[in-house]
Amino acid sequence: MVKRNEIRVEGTERAIALYHVVYRHEEFEEAAQALFKLVRESQARFPDQRRSLFLDIEGHRNEQGGFDPDMFELQQDFLLGFLGRFLSEIHCPLIIVSKPKGQENDIPDRLDIQAQAGNGQTSV
């Protein structure tokens, strides 16, 4: 069983599978930091190997059944817009992406998240 906030990385000679669950009580920043830490740890443990991220999200739904703004932003803007460049594949509830050209391996030392005034979104 995966313990809460535990980093789960499984690797082979060819690829690394990264898995994370965003729980109901977690907000955007906590989830983004956990995902970033997961990718950094995988690069440290298995340098330059292909990384595939598998993401599950519990709850975080609006009345229409779609994702709340935090989890929509996490998947669209954070994963696809930022963290995705350090991954070869992304498997999340909204989309599955495979990047045949590979991934970048020069991962920043830390993640700084800043709220953008006026539009309710964040930038990294």
PDB file of N, CA and C in Angstrom:
ATOM      1  N   MET A   1       0.840  -1.181   0.000  1.00  0.00           N
ATOM      2  CA  MET A   1       0.000   0.000   0.000  1.00  0.00           C
ATOM      3  C   MET A   1       0.879   1.236   0.000  1.00  0.00           C
ATOM      4  N   VAL A   2       0.504   2.236  -0.782  1.00  0.00           N
ATOM      5  CA  VAL A   2       1.254   3.476  -0.851  1.00  0.00           C
ATOM      6  C   VAL A   2       0.831   4.360   0.310  1.00  0.00           C
ATOM      7  N   LYS A   3       1.798   4.816   1.079  1.00  0.00           N
ATOM      8  CA  LYS A   3       1.509   5.701   2.190  1.00  0.00           C
ATOM      9  C   LYS A   3       1.334   7.116   1.669  1.00  0.00           C
ATOM     10  N   ARG A   4       0.592   7.903   2.391  1.00  0.00           N
ATOM     11  CA  ARG A   4       0.363   9.286   2.019  1.00  0.00           C
ATOM     12  C   ARG A   4       1.685  10.028   1.905  1.00  0.00           C
ATOM     13  N   ASN A   5       1.825  10.821   0.866  1.00  0.00           N
ATOM     14  CA  ASN A   5       3.008  11.631   0.582  1.00  0.00           C
ATOM     15  C   ASN A   5       4.256  10.804   0.301  1.00  0.00           C
ATOM     16  N   GLU A   6       4.093   9.512   0.093  1.00  0.00           N
ATOM     17  CA  GLU A   6       5.224   8.667  -0.251  1.00  0.00           C
ATOM     18  C   GLU A   6       5.526   8.822  -1.735  1.00  0.00           C
ATOM     19  N   ILE A   7       6.789   8.902  -2.071  1.00  0.00           N
ATOM     20  CA  ILE A   7       7.185   8.947  -3.467  1.00  0.00           C
ATOM     21  C   ILE A   7       7.204   7.528  -3.981  1.00  0.00           C
ATOM     22  N   ARG A   8       6.500   7.304  -5.076  1.00  0.00           N
ATOM     23  CA  ARG A   8       6.455   5.969  -5.650  1.00  0.00           C
ATOM     24  C   ARG A   8       7.095   6.019  -7.028  1.00  0.00           C
ATOM     25  N   VAL A   9       8.264   5.397  -7.127  1.00  0.00           N
ATOM     26  CA  VAL A   9       9.022   5.341  -8.369  1.00  0.00           C
ATOM     27  C   VAL A   9       9.406   3.897  -8.609  1.00  0.00           C
ATOM     28  N   GLU A  10       9.064   3.388  -9.774  1.00  0.00           N
ATOM     29  CA  GLU A  10       9.451   2.036 -10.144  1.00  0.00           C
ATOM     30  C   GLU A  10      10.190   2.124 -11.464  1.00  0.00           C
ATOM     31  N   GLY A  11      11.360   1.489 -11.546  1.00  0.00           N
ATOM     32  CA  GLY A  11      12.156   1.612 -12.753  1.00  0.00           C
ATOM     33  C   GLY A  11      12.604   0.290 -13.326  1.00  0.00           C
ATOM     34  N   THR A  12      12.859   0.322 -14.617  1.00  0.00           N
ATOM     35  CA  THR A  12      13.479  -0.790 -15.319  1.00  0.00           C
ATOM     36  C   THR A  12      14.646  -0.200 -16.091  1.00  0.00           C
ATOM     37  N   GLU A  13      15.296  -0.993 -16.885  1.00  0.00           N
ATOM     38  CA  GLU A  13      16.395  -0.482 -17.693  1.00  0.00           C
ATOM     39  C   GLU A  13      15.911   0.501 -18.750  1.00  0.00           C
ATOM     40  N   ARG A  14      14.646   0.401 -19.139  1.00  0.00           N
ATOM     41  CA  ARG A  14      14.147   1.204 -20.238  1.00  0.00           C
ATOM     42  C   ARG A  14      13.338   2.413 -19.812  1.00  0.00           C
ATOM     43  N   ALA A  15      12.636   2.327 -18.696  1.00  0.00           N
ATOM     44  CA  ALA A  15      11.740   3.418 -18.325  1.00  0.00           C
ATOM     45  C   ALA A  15      11.455   3.404 -16.831  1.00  0.00           C
ATOM     46  N   ILE A  16      10.923   4.532 -16.371  1.00  0.00           N
ATOM     47  CA  ILE A  16      10.552   4.696 -14.975  1.00  0.00           C
ATOM     48  C   ILE A  16       9.076   5.057 -14.929  1.00  0.00           C
ATOM     49  N   ALA A  17       8.332   4.391 -14.069  1.00  0.00           N
ATOM     50  CA  ALA A  17       6.923   4.711 -13.867  1.00  0.00           C
ATOM     51  C   ALA A  17       6.797   5.504 -12.573  1.00  0.00           C
ATOM     52  N   LEU A  18       6.206   6.677 -12.667  1.00  0.00           N
ATOM     53  CA  LEU A  18       5.963   7.544 -11.516  1.00  0.00           C
ATOM     54  C   LEU A  18       4.462   7.560 -11.265  1.00  0.00           C
ATOM     55  N   TYR A  19       4.060   7.412 -10.015  1.00  0.00           N
ATOM     56  CA  TYR A  19       2.635   7.374  -9.701  1.00  0.00           C
ATOM     57  C   TYR A  19       2.339   8.308  -8.543  1.00  0.00           C
ATOM     58  N   HIS A  20       1.246   9.070  -8.685  1.00  0.00           N
ATOM     59  CA  HIS A  20       0.829   9.975  -7.618  1.00  0.00           C
ATOM     60  C   HIS A  20      -0.695  10.072  -7.597  1.00  0.00           C
ATOM     61  N   VAL A  21      -1.246  10.166  -6.391  1.00  0.00           N
ATOM     62  CA  VAL A  21      -2.675  10.397  -6.203  1.00  0.00           C
ATOM     63  C   VAL A  21      -2.841  11.753  -5.534  1.00  0.00           C
ATOM     64  N   VAL A  22      -3.695  12.583  -6.101  1.00  0.00           N
ATOM     65  CA  VAL A  22      -4.078  13.839  -5.456  1.00  0.00           C
ATOM     66  C   VAL A  22      -5.352  13.541  -4.676  1.00  0.00           C
ATOM     67  N   TYR A  23      -5.283  13.701  -3.356  1.00  0.00           N
ATOM     68  CA  TYR A  23      -6.423  13.404  -2.499  1.00  0.00           C
ATOM     69  C   TYR A  23      -7.366  14.600  -2.399  1.00  0.00           C
ATOM     70  N   ARG A  24      -8.562  14.345  -1.929  1.00  0.00           N
ATOM     71  CA  ARG A  24      -9.611  15.371  -1.846  1.00  0.00           C
ATOM     72  C   ARG A  24      -9.162  16.627  -1.098  1.00  0.00           C
ATOM     73  N   HIS A  25      -8.394  16.463  -0.058  1.00  0.00           N
ATOM     74  CA  HIS A  25      -8.011  17.593   0.785  1.00  0.00           C
ATOM     75  C   HIS A  25      -6.842  18.410   0.214  1.00  0.00           C
ATOM     76  N   GLU A  26      -6.167  17.897  -0.792  1.00  0.00           N
ATOM     77  CA  GLU A  26      -5.007  18.588  -1.343  1.00  0.00           C
ATOM     78  C   GLU A  26      -5.430  19.674  -2.320  1.00  0.00           C
ATOM     79  N   GLU A  27      -4.728  20.779  -2.275  1.00  0.00           N
ATOM     80  CA  GLU A  27      -4.979  21.873  -3.203  1.00  0.00           C
ATOM     81  C   GLU A  27      -3.876  21.909  -4.252  1.00  0.00           C
ATOM     82  N   PHE A  28      -3.997  22.827  -5.179  1.00  0.00           N
ATOM     83  CA  PHE A  28      -3.084  22.915  -6.313  1.00  0.00           C
ATOM     84  C   PHE A  28      -1.619  22.925  -5.894  1.00  0.00           C
ATOM     85  N   GLU A  29      -1.243  23.830  -5.007  1.00  0.00           N
ATOM     86  CA  GLU A  29       0.174  23.992  -4.671  1.00  0.00           C
ATOM     87  C   GLU A  29       0.772  22.734  -4.054  1.00  0.00           C
ATOM     88  N   GLU A  30       0.059  22.107  -3.145  1.00  0.00           N
ATOM     89  CA  GLU A  30       0.555  20.880  -2.519  1.00  0.00           C
ATOM     90  C   GLU A  30       0.740  19.773  -3.566  1.00  0.00           C
ATOM     91  N   ALA A  31      -0.232  19.634  -4.457  1.00  0.00           N
ATOM     92  CA  ALA A  31      -0.146  18.610  -5.506  1.00  0.00           C
ATOM     93  C   ALA A  31       0.996  18.913  -6.472  1.00  0.00           C
ATOM     94  N   ALA A  32       1.146  20.166  -6.867  1.00  0.00           N
ATOM     95  CA  ALA A  32       2.216  20.547  -7.803  1.00  0.00           C
ATOM     96  C   ALA A  32       3.586  20.294  -7.187  1.00  0.00           C
ATOM     97  N   GLN A  33       3.752  20.643  -5.924  1.00  0.00           N
ATOM     98  CA  GLN A  33       5.032  20.412  -5.256  1.00  0.00           C
ATOM     99  C   GLN A  33       5.332  18.913  -5.159  1.00  0.00           C
ATOM    100  N   ALA A  34       4.313  18.114  -4.856  1.00  0.00           N
ATOM    101  CA  ALA A  34       4.510  16.660  -4.755  1.00  0.00           C
ATOM    102  C   ALA A  34       4.921  16.076  -6.104  1.00  0.00           C
ATOM    103  N   LEU A  35       4.280  16.513  -7.182  1.00  0.00           N
ATOM    104  CA  LEU A  35       4.627  16.019  -8.515  1.00  0.00           C
ATOM    105  C   LEU A  35       6.037  16.445  -8.918  1.00  0.00           C
ATOM    106  N   PHE A  36       6.386  17.681  -8.610  1.00  0.00           N
ATOM    107  CA  PHE A  36       7.729  18.166  -8.916  1.00  0.00           C
ATOM    108  C   PHE A  36       8.782  17.355  -8.150  1.00  0.00           C
ATOM    109  N   LYS A  37       8.514  17.115  -6.865  1.00  0.00           N
ATOM    110  CA  LYS A  37       9.430  16.319  -6.041  1.00  0.00           C
ATOM    111  C   LYS A  37       9.582  14.911  -6.600  1.00  0.00           C
ATOM    112  N   LEU A  38       8.489  14.343  -7.067  1.00  0.00           N
ATOM    113  CA  LEU A  38       8.508  13.006  -7.648  1.00  0.00           C
ATOM    114  C   LEU A  38       9.418  12.963  -8.882  1.00  0.00           C
ATOM    115  N   VAL A  39       9.310  13.942  -9.743  1.00  0.00           N
ATOM    116  CA  VAL A  39      10.141  13.989 -10.952  1.00  0.00           C
ATOM    117  C   VAL A  39      11.605  14.231 -10.594  1.00  0.00           C
ATOM    118  N   ARG A  40      11.862  15.127  -9.656  1.00  0.00           N
ATOM    119  CA  ARG A  40      13.254  15.383  -9.216  1.00  0.00           C
ATOM    120  C   ARG A  40      13.877  14.123  -8.620  1.00  0.00           C
ATOM    121  N   GLU A  41      13.130  13.442  -7.768  1.00  0.00           N
ATOM    122  CA  GLU A  41      13.635  12.228  -7.122  1.00  0.00           C
ATOM    123  C   GLU A  41      13.924  11.151  -8.156  1.00  0.00           C
ATOM    124  N   SER A  42      13.064  11.032  -9.150  1.00  0.00           N
ATOM    125  CA  SER A  42      13.292  10.009 -10.175  1.00  0.00           C
ATOM    126  C   SER A  42      14.552  10.309 -10.987  1.00  0.00           C
ATOM    127  N   GLN A  43      14.802  11.577 -11.261  1.00  0.00           N
ATOM    128  CA  GLN A  43      16.028  11.945 -11.987  1.00  0.00           C
ATOM    129  C   GLN A  43      17.260  11.649 -11.124  1.00  0.00           C
ATOM    130  N   ALA A  44      17.161  11.877  -9.840  1.00  0.00           N
ATOM    131  CA  ALA A  44      18.289  11.607  -8.941  1.00  0.00           C
ATOM    132  C   ALA A  44      18.566  10.104  -8.832  1.00  0.00           C
ATOM    133  N   ARG A  45      17.512   9.308  -8.754  1.00  0.00           N
ATOM    134  CA  ARG A  45      17.672   7.863  -8.578  1.00  0.00           C
ATOM    135  C   ARG A  45      17.962   7.115  -9.872  1.00  0.00           C
ATOM    136  N   PHE A  46      17.397   7.606 -10.983  1.00  0.00           N
ATOM    137  CA  PHE A  46      17.540   6.956 -12.289  1.00  0.00           C
ATOM    138  C   PHE A  46      17.867   8.022 -13.336  1.00  0.00           C
ATOM    139  N   PRO A  47      19.091   8.537 -13.339  1.00  0.00           N
ATOM    140  CA  PRO A  47      19.440   9.668 -14.204  1.00  0.00           C
ATOM    141  C   PRO A  47      19.127   9.426 -15.682  1.00  0.00           C
ATOM    142  N   ASP A  48      18.428  10.397 -16.255  1.00  0.00           N
ATOM    143  CA  ASP A  48      18.164  10.498 -17.695  1.00  0.00           C
ATOM    144  C   ASP A  48      17.329   9.363 -18.281  1.00  0.00           C
ATOM    145  N   GLN A  49      16.718   8.534 -17.446  1.00  0.00           N
ATOM    146  CA  GLN A  49      15.862   7.481 -17.987  1.00  0.00           C
ATOM    147  C   GLN A  49      14.487   8.051 -18.336  1.00  0.00           C
ATOM    148  N   ARG A  50      13.832   7.426 -19.307  1.00  0.00           N
ATOM    149  CA  ARG A  50      12.480   7.842 -19.706  1.00  0.00           C
ATOM    150  C   ARG A  50      11.560   7.782 -18.490  1.00  0.00           C
ATOM    151  N   ARG A  51      10.781   8.843 -18.322  1.00  0.00           N
ATOM    152  CA  ARG A  51       9.852   8.919 -17.200  1.00  0.00           C
ATOM    153  C   ARG A  51       8.415   8.964 -17.709  1.00  0.00           C
ATOM    154  N   SER A  52       7.560   8.107 -17.148  1.00  0.00           N
ATOM    155  CA  SER A  52       6.130   8.105 -17.443  1.00  0.00           C
ATOM    156  C   SER A  52       5.389   8.387 -16.148  1.00  0.00           C
ATOM    157  N   LEU A  53       4.573   9.437 -16.153  1.00  0.00           N
ATOM    158  CA  LEU A  53       3.810   9.818 -14.969  1.00  0.00           C
ATOM    159  C   LEU A  53       2.378   9.323 -15.096  1.00  0.00           C
ATOM    160  N   PHE A  54       1.896   8.679 -14.016  1.00  0.00           N
ATOM    161  CA  PHE A  54       0.510   8.232 -13.919  1.00  0.00           C
ATOM    162  C   PHE A  54      -0.116   8.980 -12.745  1.00  0.00           C
ATOM    163  N   LEU A  55      -1.154   9.753 -13.025  1.00  0.00           N
ATOM    164  CA  LEU A  55      -1.775  10.606 -12.018  1.00  0.00           C
ATOM    165  C   LEU A  55      -3.243  10.239 -11.845  1.00  0.00           C
ATOM    166  N   ASP A  56      -3.650  10.052 -10.589  1.00  0.00           N
ATOM    167  CA  ASP A  56      -5.059   9.875 -10.236  1.00  0.00           C
ATOM    168  C   ASP A  56      -5.468  11.048  -9.367  1.00  0.00           C
ATOM    169  N   ILE A  57      -6.723  11.434  -9.488  1.00  0.00           N
ATOM    170  CA  ILE A  57      -7.250  12.550  -8.696  1.00  0.00           C
ATOM    171  C   ILE A  57      -8.541  12.091  -8.043  1.00  0.00           C
ATOM    172  N   GLU A  58      -8.587  12.161  -6.714  1.00  0.00           N
ATOM    173  CA  GLU A  58      -9.788  11.802  -5.959  1.00  0.00           C
ATOM    174  C   GLU A  58     -10.594  13.064  -5.691  1.00  0.00           C
ATOM    175  N   GLY A  59     -11.875  13.001  -6.011  1.00  0.00           N
ATOM    176  CA  GLY A  59     -12.738  14.158  -5.773  1.00  0.00           C
ATOM    177  C   GLY A  59     -12.398  15.301  -6.708  1.00  0.00           C
ATOM    178  N   HIS A  60     -12.415  16.508  -6.169  1.00  0.00           N
ATOM    179  CA  HIS A  60     -12.081  17.717  -6.928  1.00  0.00           C
ATOM    180  C   HIS A  60     -12.977  17.884  -8.155  1.00  0.00           C
ATOM    181  N   ARG A  61     -14.265  17.570  -8.007  1.00  0.00           N
ATOM    182  CA  ARG A  61     -15.219  17.683  -9.113  1.00  0.00           C
ATOM    183  C   ARG A  61     -16.206  18.822  -8.836  1.00  0.00           C
ATOM    184  N   ASN A  62     -16.659  19.454  -9.909  1.00  0.00           N
ATOM    185  CA  ASN A  62     -17.684  20.484  -9.790  1.00  0.00           C
ATOM    186  C   ASN A  62     -19.064  19.843  -9.954  1.00  0.00           C
ATOM    187  N   GLU A  63     -20.121  20.646  -9.917  1.00  0.00           N
ATOM    188  CA  GLU A  63     -21.485  20.120  -9.995  1.00  0.00           C
ATOM    189  C   GLU A  63     -21.781  19.430 -11.321  1.00  0.00           C
ATOM    190  N   GLN A  64     -21.091  19.817 -12.377  1.00  0.00           N
ATOM    191  CA  GLN A  64     -21.302  19.219 -13.693  1.00  0.00           C
ATOM    192  C   GLN A  64     -20.476  17.947 -13.891  1.00  0.00           C
ATOM    193  N   GLY A  65     -19.640  17.585 -12.914  1.00  0.00           N
ATOM    194  CA  GLY A  65     -18.823  16.380 -13.010  1.00  0.00           C
ATOM    195  C   GLY A  65     -17.426  16.621 -13.547  1.00  0.00           C
ATOM    196  N   GLY A  66     -17.128  17.853 -13.969  1.00  0.00           N
ATOM    197  CA  GLY A  66     -15.782  18.195 -14.432  1.00  0.00           C
ATOM    198  C   GLY A  66     -14.871  18.473 -13.248  1.00  0.00           C
ATOM    199  N   PHE A  67     -13.620  18.714 -13.533  1.00  0.00           N
ATOM    200  CA  PHE A  67     -12.670  19.004 -12.457  1.00  0.00           C
ATOM    201  C   PHE A  67     -12.835  20.421 -11.955  1.00  0.00           C
ATOM    202  N   ASP A  68     -12.571  20.618 -10.648  1.00  0.00           N
ATOM    203  CA  ASP A  68     -12.594  21.967 -10.099  1.00  0.00           C
ATOM    204  C   ASP A  68     -11.434  22.756 -10.716  1.00  0.00           C
ATOM    205  N   PRO A  69     -11.428  24.073 -10.574  1.00  0.00           N
ATOM    206  CA  PRO A  69     -10.401  24.893 -11.231  1.00  0.00           C
ATOM    207  C   PRO A  69      -8.962  24.511 -10.863  1.00  0.00           C
ATOM    208  N   ASP A  70      -8.710  24.137  -9.601  1.00  0.00           N
ATOM    209  CA  ASP A  70      -7.354  23.757  -9.192  1.00  0.00           C
ATOM    210  C   ASP A  70      -6.850  22.526  -9.943  1.00  0.00           C
ATOM    211  N   MET A  71      -7.678  21.498 -10.036  1.00  0.00           N
ATOM    212  CA  MET A  71      -7.223  20.262 -10.676  1.00  0.00           C
ATOM    213  C   MET A  71      -7.219  20.375 -12.197  1.00  0.00           C
ATOM    214  N   PHE A  72      -8.077  21.218 -12.742  1.00  0.00           N
ATOM    215  CA  PHE A  72      -8.009  21.479 -14.179  1.00  0.00           C
ATOM    216  C   PHE A  72      -6.694  22.192 -14.502  1.00  0.00           C
ATOM    217  N   GLU A  73      -6.368  23.195 -13.693  1.00  0.00           N
ATOM    218  CA  GLU A  73      -5.112  23.932 -13.873  1.00  0.00           C
ATOM    219  C   GLU A  73      -3.900  23.027 -13.665  1.00  0.00           C
ATOM    220  N   LEU A  74      -3.969  22.131 -12.687  1.00  0.00           N
ATOM    221  CA  LEU A  74      -2.859  21.215 -12.432  1.00  0.00           C
ATOM    222  C   LEU A  74      -2.568  20.369 -13.668  1.00  0.00           C
ATOM    223  N   GLN A  75      -3.601  19.855 -14.288  1.00  0.00           N
ATOM    224  CA  GLN A  75      -3.407  18.990 -15.445  1.00  0.00           C
ATOM    225  C   GLN A  75      -3.047  19.774 -16.706  1.00  0.00           C
ATOM    226  N   GLN A  76      -3.791  20.828 -16.975  1.00  0.00           N
ATOM    227  CA  GLN A  76      -3.580  21.562 -18.225  1.00  0.00           C
ATOM    228  C   GLN A  76      -2.355  22.462 -18.174  1.00  0.00           C
ATOM    229  N   ASP A  77      -2.285  23.328 -17.195  1.00  0.00           N
ATOM    230  CA  ASP A  77      -1.220  24.328 -17.164  1.00  0.00           C
ATOM    231  C   ASP A  77       0.070  23.814 -16.539  1.00  0.00           C
ATOM    232  N   PHE A  78      -0.047  23.117 -15.407  1.00  0.00           N
ATOM    233  CA  PHE A  78       1.167  22.669 -14.726  1.00  0.00           C
ATOM    234  C   PHE A  78       1.783  21.455 -15.417  1.00  0.00           C
ATOM    235  N   LEU A  79       1.007  20.389 -15.605  1.00  0.00           N
ATOM    236  CA  LEU A  79       1.578  19.190 -16.223  1.00  0.00           C
ATOM    237  C   LEU A  79       1.929  19.413 -17.688  1.00  0.00           C
ATOM    238  N   LEU A  80       0.967  19.868 -18.464  1.00  0.00           N
ATOM    239  CA  LEU A  80       1.218  20.042 -19.901  1.00  0.00           C
ATOM    240  C   LEU A  80       2.074  21.272 -20.185  1.00  0.00           C
ATOM    241  N   GLY A  81       1.903  22.327 -19.405  1.00  0.00           N
ATOM    242  CA  GLY A  81       2.601  23.570 -19.679  1.00  0.00           C
ATOM    243  C   GLY A  81       3.983  23.691 -19.076  1.00  0.00           C
ATOM    244  N   PHE A  82       4.259  22.973 -18.003  1.00  0.00           N
ATOM    245  CA  PHE A  82       5.569  23.089 -17.347  1.00  0.00           C
ATOM    246  C   PHE A  82       6.246  21.740 -17.133  1.00  0.00           C
ATOM    247  N   LEU A  83       5.692  20.915 -16.287  1.00  0.00           N
ATOM    248  CA  LEU A  83       6.361  19.686 -15.863  1.00  0.00           C
ATOM    249  C   LEU A  83       6.488  18.666 -16.994  1.00  0.00           C
ATOM    250  N   GLY A  84       5.612  18.732 -17.953  1.00  0.00           N
ATOM    251  CA  GLY A  84       5.608  17.777 -19.054  1.00  0.00           C
ATOM    252  C   GLY A  84       6.898  17.721 -19.842  1.00  0.00           C
ATOM    253  N   ARG A  85       7.632  18.794 -19.861  1.00  0.00           N
ATOM    254  CA  ARG A  85       8.895  18.767 -20.626  1.00  0.00           C
ATOM    255  C   ARG A  85       9.935  17.855 -19.982  1.00  0.00           C
ATOM    256  N   PHE A  86       9.740  17.493 -18.715  1.00  0.00           N
ATOM    257  CA  PHE A  86      10.656  16.596 -18.012  1.00  0.00           C
ATOM    258  C   PHE A  86      10.149  15.150 -17.988  1.00  0.00           C
ATOM    259  N   LEU A  87       9.104  14.890 -18.749  1.00  0.00           N
ATOM    260  CA  LEU A  87       8.480  13.565 -18.802  1.00  0.00           C
ATOM    261  C   LEU A  87       8.384  13.095 -20.245  1.00  0.00           C
ATOM    262  N   SER A  88       8.458  11.791 -20.444  1.00  0.00           N
ATOM    263  CA  SER A  88       8.253  11.210 -21.776  1.00  0.00           C
ATOM    264  C   SER A  88       6.783  10.895 -22.024  1.00  0.00           C
ATOM    265  N   GLU A  89       6.050  10.608 -20.953  1.00  0.00           N
ATOM    266  CA  GLU A  89       4.621  10.319 -21.066  1.00  0.00           C
ATOM    267  C   GLU A  89       3.898  10.888 -19.855  1.00  0.00           C
ATOM    268  N   ILE A  90       2.647  11.306 -20.096  1.00  0.00           N
ATOM    269  CA  ILE A  90       1.764  11.755 -19.024  1.00  0.00           C
ATOM    270  C   ILE A  90       0.442  11.013 -19.187  1.00  0.00           C
ATOM    271  N   HIS A  91       0.012  10.367 -18.104  1.00  0.00           N
ATOM    272  CA  HIS A  91      -1.281   9.693 -18.074  1.00  0.00           C
ATOM    273  C   HIS A  91      -2.070  10.321 -16.932  1.00  0.00           C
ATOM    274  N   CYS A  92      -2.965  11.239 -17.265  1.00  0.00           N
ATOM    275  CA  CYS A  92      -3.784  11.872 -16.238  1.00  0.00           C
ATOM    276  C   CYS A  92      -5.245  11.788 -16.683  1.00  0.00           C
ATOM    277  N   PRO A  93      -6.187  12.084 -15.795  1.00  0.00           N
ATOM    278  CA  PRO A  93      -7.594  11.910 -16.151  1.00  0.00           C
ATOM    279  C   PRO A  93      -8.041  12.682 -17.395  1.00  0.00           C
ATOM    280  N   LEU A  94      -7.485  13.861 -17.641  1.00  0.00           N
ATOM    281  CA  LEU A  94      -7.916  14.651 -18.794  1.00  0.00           C
ATOM    282  C   LEU A  94      -7.301  14.218 -20.114  1.00  0.00           C
ATOM    283  N   ILE A  95      -6.080  13.687 -20.078  1.00  0.00           N
ATOM    284  CA  ILE A  95      -5.374  13.439 -21.324  1.00  0.00           C
ATOM    285  C   ILE A  95      -4.233  12.440 -21.114  1.00  0.00           C
ATOM    286  N   ILE A  96      -3.870  11.773 -22.186  1.00  0.00           N
ATOM    287  CA  ILE A  96      -2.668  10.940 -22.205  1.00  0.00           C
ATOM    288  C   ILE A  96      -1.770  11.514 -23.294  1.00  0.00           C
ATOM    289  N   VAL A  97      -0.529  11.785 -22.935  1.00  0.00           N
ATOM    290  CA  VAL A  97       0.417  12.392 -23.871  1.00  0.00           C
ATOM    291  C   VAL A  97       1.676  11.550 -23.920  1.00  0.00           C
ATOM    292  N   SER A  98       2.127  11.259 -25.119  1.00  0.00           N
ATOM    293  CA  SER A  98       3.398  10.565 -25.313  1.00  0.00           C
ATOM    294  C   SER A  98       4.267  11.448 -26.180  1.00  0.00           C
ATOM    295  N   LYS A  99       5.509  11.640 -25.756  1.00  0.00           N
ATOM    296  CA  LYS A  99       6.422  12.524 -26.471  1.00  0.00           C
ATOM    297  C   LYS A  99       7.541  11.703 -27.095  1.00  0.00           C
ATOM    298  N   PRO A 100       7.447  11.410 -28.379  1.00  0.00           N
ATOM    299  CA  PRO A 100       8.463  10.577 -29.033  1.00  0.00           C
ATOM    300  C   PRO A 100       9.854  11.205 -29.052  1.00  0.00           C
ATOM    301  N   LYS A 101       9.936  12.521 -28.965  1.00  0.00           N
ATOM    302  CA  LYS A 101      11.242  13.187 -28.983  1.00  0.00           C
ATOM    303  C   LYS A 101      11.915  13.178 -27.620  1.00  0.00           C
ATOM    304  N   GLY A 102      11.248  12.638 -26.631  1.00  0.00           N
ATOM    305  CA  GLY A 102      11.880  12.497 -25.325  1.00  0.00           C
ATOM    306  C   GLY A 102      11.580  13.619 -24.369  1.00  0.00           C
ATOM    307  N   GLN A 103      12.432  13.731 -23.403  1.00  0.00           N
ATOM    308  CA  GLN A 103      12.225  14.642 -22.286  1.00  0.00           C
ATOM    309  C   GLN A 103      13.497  15.414 -22.006  1.00  0.00           C
ATOM    310  N   GLU A 104      13.346  16.512 -21.286  1.00  0.00           N
ATOM    311  CA  GLU A 104      14.506  17.246 -20.778  1.00  0.00           C
ATOM    312  C   GLU A 104      14.897  16.624 -19.445  1.00  0.00           C
ATOM    313  N   ASN A 105      16.173  16.658 -19.110  1.00  0.00           N
ATOM    314  CA  ASN A 105      16.637  16.065 -17.856  1.00  0.00           C
ATOM    315  C   ASN A 105      17.267  17.078 -16.904  1.00  0.00           C
ATOM    316  N   ASP A 106      17.361  18.324 -17.319  1.00  0.00           N
ATOM    317  CA  ASP A 106      17.935  19.370 -16.482  1.00  0.00           C
ATOM    318  C   ASP A 106      16.806  20.006 -15.658  1.00  0.00           C
ATOM    319  N   ILE A 107      16.400  19.315 -14.614  1.00  0.00           N
ATOM    320  CA  ILE A 107      15.264  19.725 -13.797  1.00  0.00           C
ATOM    321  C   ILE A 107      15.720  20.781 -12.792  1.00  0.00           C
ATOM    322  N   PRO A 108      14.976  21.885 -12.658  1.00  0.00           N
ATOM    323  CA  PRO A 108      15.353  22.922 -11.690  1.00  0.00           C
ATOM    324  C   PRO A 108      15.460  22.359 -10.272  1.00  0.00           C
ATOM    325  N   ASP A 109      16.210  23.056  -9.438  1.00  0.00           N
ATOM    326  CA  ASP A 109      16.404  22.620  -8.059  1.00  0.00           C
ATOM    327  C   ASP A 109      15.152  22.748  -7.205  1.00  0.00           C
ATOM    328  N   ARG A 110      14.317  23.733  -7.522  1.00  0.00           N
ATOM    329  CA  ARG A 110      13.109  23.925  -6.722  1.00  0.00           C
ATOM    330  C   ARG A 110      12.005  24.511  -7.589  1.00  0.00           C
ATOM    331  N   LEU A 111      10.804  24.438  -7.073  1.00  0.00           N
ATOM    332  CA  LEU A 111       9.621  24.942  -7.758  1.00  0.00           C
ATOM    333  C   LEU A 111       9.068  26.110  -6.961  1.00  0.00           C
ATOM    334  N   ASP A 112       8.982  27.263  -7.596  1.00  0.00           N
ATOM    335  CA  ASP A 112       8.370  28.442  -6.980  1.00  0.00           C
ATOM    336  C   ASP A 112       7.050  28.702  -7.674  1.00  0.00           C
ATOM    337  N   ILE A 113       5.969  28.708  -6.915  1.00  0.00           N
ATOM    338  CA  ILE A 113       4.638  28.942  -7.459  1.00  0.00           C
ATOM    339  C   ILE A 113       4.172  30.306  -6.991  1.00  0.00           C
ATOM    340  N   GLN A 114       3.726  31.114  -7.953  1.00  0.00           N
ATOM    341  CA  GLN A 114       3.281  32.469  -7.643  1.00  0.00           C
ATOM    342  C   GLN A 114       1.892  32.677  -8.216  1.00  0.00           C
ATOM    343  N   ALA A 115       0.997  33.210  -7.390  1.00  0.00           N
ATOM    344  CA  ALA A 115      -0.339  33.543  -7.876  1.00  0.00           C
ATOM    345  C   ALA A 115      -0.246  34.778  -8.755  1.00  0.00           C
ATOM    346  N   GLN A 116      -0.951  34.744  -9.882  1.00  0.00           N
ATOM    347  CA  GLN A 116      -0.995  35.902 -10.765  1.00  0.00           C
ATOM    348  C   GLN A 116      -2.193  36.749 -10.382  1.00  0.00           C
ATOM    349  N   ALA A 117      -1.945  38.010 -10.119  1.00  0.00           N
ATOM    350  CA  ALA A 117      -3.008  38.911  -9.661  1.00  0.00           C
ATOM    351  C   ALA A 117      -4.103  39.044 -10.708  1.00  0.00           C
ATOM    352  N   GLY A 118      -5.355  38.964 -10.228  1.00  0.00           N
ATOM    353  CA  GLY A 118      -6.484  39.284 -11.073  1.00  0.00           C
ATOM    354  C   GLY A 118      -7.106  38.125 -11.823  1.00  0.00           C
ATOM    355  N   ASN A 119      -6.359  37.076 -12.167  1.00  0.00           N
ATOM    356  CA  ASN A 119      -6.980  36.027 -12.966  1.00  0.00           C
ATOM    357  C   ASN A 119      -7.124  34.707 -12.237  1.00  0.00           C
ATOM    358  N   GLY A 120      -6.675  34.625 -10.991  1.00  0.00           N
ATOM    359  CA  GLY A 120      -6.851  33.416 -10.210  1.00  0.00           C
ATOM    360  C   GLY A 120      -5.957  32.265 -10.617  1.00  0.00           C
ATOM    361  N   GLN A 121      -5.034  32.481 -11.550  1.00  0.00           N
ATOM    362  CA  GLN A 121      -4.137  31.411 -11.974  1.00  0.00           C
ATOM    363  C   GLN A 121      -2.768  31.591 -11.351  1.00  0.00           C
ATOM    364  N   THR A 122      -1.973  30.557 -11.472  1.00  0.00           N
ATOM    365  CA  THR A 122      -0.633  30.593 -10.924  1.00  0.00           C
ATOM    366  C   THR A 122       0.384  30.488 -12.041  1.00  0.00           C
ATOM    367  N   SER A 123       1.614  30.846 -11.728  1.00  0.00           N
ATOM    368  CA  SER A 123       2.705  30.649 -12.680  1.00  0.00           C
ATOM    369  C   SER A 123       3.835  29.957 -11.928  1.00  0.00           C
ATOM    370  N   VAL A 124       4.654  29.234 -12.703  1.00  0.00           N
ATOM    371  CA  VAL A 124       5.781  28.524 -12.101  1.00  0.00           C
ATOM    372  C   VAL A 124       7.066  29.033 -12.683  1.00  0.00           C
TER     373      VAL A 124
END
